Amino acid sequence: MVSPSAWRLADLFAKQAFLLRGLGWGSMPSHAVEADIKAGRLVELQLQDVPQARITLPMLAVYKSTTPPGPAGRWLIDYVKSCTSAVQ
């Protein structure tokens, strides 16, 4: 964490509203802020030591070994795995 004084918001709409009112900076999905950047309401920050390519975050599927996921849960895990391999 960069600062102990950090806003934590539950949804991206609230975060975007804070950013548009100048209440700090934060990461957002590019499609959500594209129009605001084009209109000059927001600017993209270029941070040192952060690659400009996609940033990947590790994800884990955690469940009790005594109750493994059923068909739908297994499908979701397999689907997420397939999505991440396409990005790398």
C-alpha atoms as a PDB file:
ATOM      1  CA  MET A   1       0.000   0.000   0.000  1.00  0.00           C
ATOM      2  CA  VAL A   2       1.285   3.446  -0.875  1.00  0.00           C
ATOM      3  CA  SER A   3      -0.512   5.331   1.881  1.00  0.00           C
ATOM      4  CA  PRO A   4      -2.234   4.480   5.160  1.00  0.00           C
ATOM      5  CA  SER A   5      -4.925   7.002   4.159  1.00  0.00           C
ATOM      6  CA  ALA A   6      -6.686   5.029   1.438  1.00  0.00           C
ATOM      7  CA  TRP A   7     -10.303   5.034   0.296  1.00  0.00           C
ATOM      8  CA  ARG A   8     -11.868   1.608  -0.073  1.00  0.00           C
ATOM      9  CA  LEU A   9     -15.075   1.525  -2.078  1.00  0.00           C
ATOM     10  CA  ALA A  10     -17.421  -1.359  -2.701  1.00  0.00           C
ATOM     11  CA  ASP A  11     -18.219  -0.593  -6.329  1.00  0.00           C
ATOM     12  CA  LEU A  12     -16.579   0.943  -9.364  1.00  0.00           C
ATOM     13  CA  PHE A  13     -19.341   3.511  -9.930  1.00  0.00           C
ATOM     14  CA  ALA A  14     -18.632   5.053  -6.535  1.00  0.00           C
ATOM     15  CA  LYS A  15     -14.889   4.942  -7.197  1.00  0.00           C
ATOM     16  CA  GLN A  16     -15.340   6.640 -10.565  1.00  0.00           C
ATOM     17  CA  ALA A  17     -17.470   9.347  -8.926  1.00  0.00           C
ATOM     18  CA  PHE A  18     -14.706   9.972  -6.360  1.00  0.00           C
ATOM     19  CA  LEU A  19     -12.058  10.163  -9.087  1.00  0.00           C
ATOM     20  CA  LEU A  20     -14.158  12.566 -11.169  1.00  0.00           C
ATOM     21  CA  ARG A  21     -14.466  14.855  -8.150  1.00  0.00           C
ATOM     22  CA  GLY A  22     -10.703  14.845  -7.599  1.00  0.00           C
ATOM     23  CA  LEU A  23     -10.689  12.734  -4.459  1.00  0.00           C
ATOM     24  CA  GLY A  24      -7.454  10.882  -5.132  1.00  0.00           C
ATOM     25  CA  TRP A  25      -6.312   8.395  -7.745  1.00  0.00           C
ATOM     26  CA  GLY A  26      -6.939   4.736  -8.408  1.00  0.00           C
ATOM     27  CA  SER A  27      -6.966   1.960 -10.934  1.00  0.00           C
ATOM     28  CA  MET A  28     -10.060   1.397 -13.033  1.00  0.00           C
ATOM     29  CA  PRO A  29     -10.946  -0.859 -15.957  1.00  0.00           C
ATOM     30  CA  SER A  30     -10.001   1.071 -19.095  1.00  0.00           C
ATOM     31  CA  HIS A  31     -13.424   0.600 -20.702  1.00  0.00           C
ATOM     32  CA  ALA A  32     -15.095   2.225 -17.686  1.00  0.00           C
ATOM     33  CA  VAL A  33     -13.075   5.455 -17.896  1.00  0.00           C
ATOM     34  CA  GLU A  34     -12.336   5.660 -21.628  1.00  0.00           C
ATOM     35  CA  ALA A  35     -14.914   8.393 -22.270  1.00  0.00           C
ATOM     36  CA  ASP A  36     -13.740  10.399 -19.238  1.00  0.00           C
ATOM     37  CA  ILE A  37     -10.131  10.231 -20.439  1.00  0.00           C
ATOM     38  CA  LYS A  38     -11.082  11.267 -24.000  1.00  0.00           C
ATOM     39  CA  ALA A  39     -13.150  14.175 -22.629  1.00  0.00           C
ATOM     40  CA  GLY A  40     -10.284  15.299 -20.373  1.00  0.00           C
ATOM     41  CA  ARG A  41     -12.198  14.685 -17.149  1.00  0.00           C
ATOM     42  CA  LEU A  42      -9.599  12.094 -16.071  1.00  0.00           C
ATOM     43  CA  VAL A  43      -5.963  11.564 -16.991  1.00  0.00           C
ATOM     44  CA  GLU A  44      -4.004   8.345 -17.109  1.00  0.00           C
ATOM     45  CA  LEU A  45      -1.011   8.304 -14.805  1.00  0.00           C
ATOM     46  CA  GLN A  46       2.217   6.693 -15.983  1.00  0.00           C
ATOM     47  CA  LEU A  47       3.751   5.108 -12.894  1.00  0.00           C
ATOM     48  CA  GLN A  48       7.424   4.270 -12.603  1.00  0.00           C
ATOM     49  CA  ASP A  49       8.320   0.590 -12.268  1.00  0.00           C
ATOM     50  CA  VAL A  50       4.860  -0.542 -13.378  1.00  0.00           C
ATOM     51  CA  PRO A  51       4.803  -2.359 -16.724  1.00  0.00           C
ATOM     52  CA  GLN A  52       2.450  -0.838 -19.298  1.00  0.00           C
ATOM     53  CA  ALA A  53       1.327  -4.310 -20.364  1.00  0.00           C
ATOM     54  CA  ARG A  54      -1.559  -5.986 -18.585  1.00  0.00           C
ATOM     55  CA  ILE A  55      -0.992  -6.494 -14.910  1.00  0.00           C
ATOM     56  CA  THR A  56      -1.872  -9.997 -13.813  1.00  0.00           C
ATOM     57  CA  LEU A  57      -2.922 -10.898 -10.316  1.00  0.00           C
ATOM     58  CA  PRO A  58      -2.718 -14.395  -8.867  1.00  0.00           C
ATOM     59  CA  MET A  59      -6.049 -16.077  -8.181  1.00  0.00           C
ATOM     60  CA  LEU A  60      -6.777 -19.104  -6.040  1.00  0.00           C
ATOM     61  CA  ALA A  61      -9.775 -21.389  -5.763  1.00  0.00           C
ATOM     62  CA  VAL A  62     -10.114 -22.414  -2.123  1.00  0.00           C
ATOM     63  CA  TYR A  63     -12.488 -25.053  -0.833  1.00  0.00           C
ATOM     64  CA  LYS A  64     -12.609 -27.716   1.855  1.00  0.00           C
ATOM     65  CA  SER A  65     -11.049 -30.985   0.722  1.00  0.00           C
ATOM     66  CA  THR A  66     -14.015 -32.786   2.280  1.00  0.00           C
ATOM     67  CA  THR A  67     -16.489 -30.848   0.111  1.00  0.00           C
ATOM     68  CA  PRO A  68     -14.955 -30.184  -3.321  1.00  0.00           C
ATOM     69  CA  PRO A  69     -16.868 -28.036  -5.813  1.00  0.00           C
ATOM     70  CA  GLY A  70     -19.703 -29.608  -7.744  1.00  0.00           C
ATOM     71  CA  PRO A  71     -20.151 -29.433 -11.514  1.00  0.00           C
ATOM     72  CA  ALA A  72     -20.884 -25.699 -11.628  1.00  0.00           C
ATOM     73  CA  GLY A  73     -18.009 -24.806  -9.301  1.00  0.00           C
ATOM     74  CA  ARG A  74     -15.617 -27.050 -11.227  1.00  0.00           C
ATOM     75  CA  TRP A  75     -16.740 -25.440 -14.501  1.00  0.00           C
ATOM     76  CA  LEU A  76     -16.069 -21.957 -13.049  1.00  0.00           C
ATOM     77  CA  ILE A  77     -12.586 -22.938 -11.866  1.00  0.00           C
ATOM     78  CA  ASP A  78     -11.747 -24.464 -15.260  1.00  0.00           C
ATOM     79  CA  TYR A  79     -13.140 -21.423 -17.081  1.00  0.00           C
ATOM     80  CA  VAL A  80     -11.084 -18.958 -15.019  1.00  0.00           C
ATOM     81  CA  LYS A  81      -7.979 -21.074 -15.631  1.00  0.00           C
ATOM     82  CA  SER A  82      -8.612 -20.995 -19.379  1.00  0.00           C
ATOM     83  CA  CYS A  83      -9.022 -17.209 -19.339  1.00  0.00           C
ATOM     84  CA  THR A  84      -5.731 -16.638 -17.547  1.00  0.00           C
ATOM     85  CA  SER A  85      -3.778 -18.871 -19.914  1.00  0.00           C
ATOM     86  CA  ALA A  86      -5.062 -16.804 -22.861  1.00  0.00           C
ATOM     87  CA  VAL A  87      -3.709 -13.586 -21.287  1.00  0.00           C
ATOM     88  CA  GLN A  88      -0.180 -14.815 -20.580  1.00  0.00           C
END
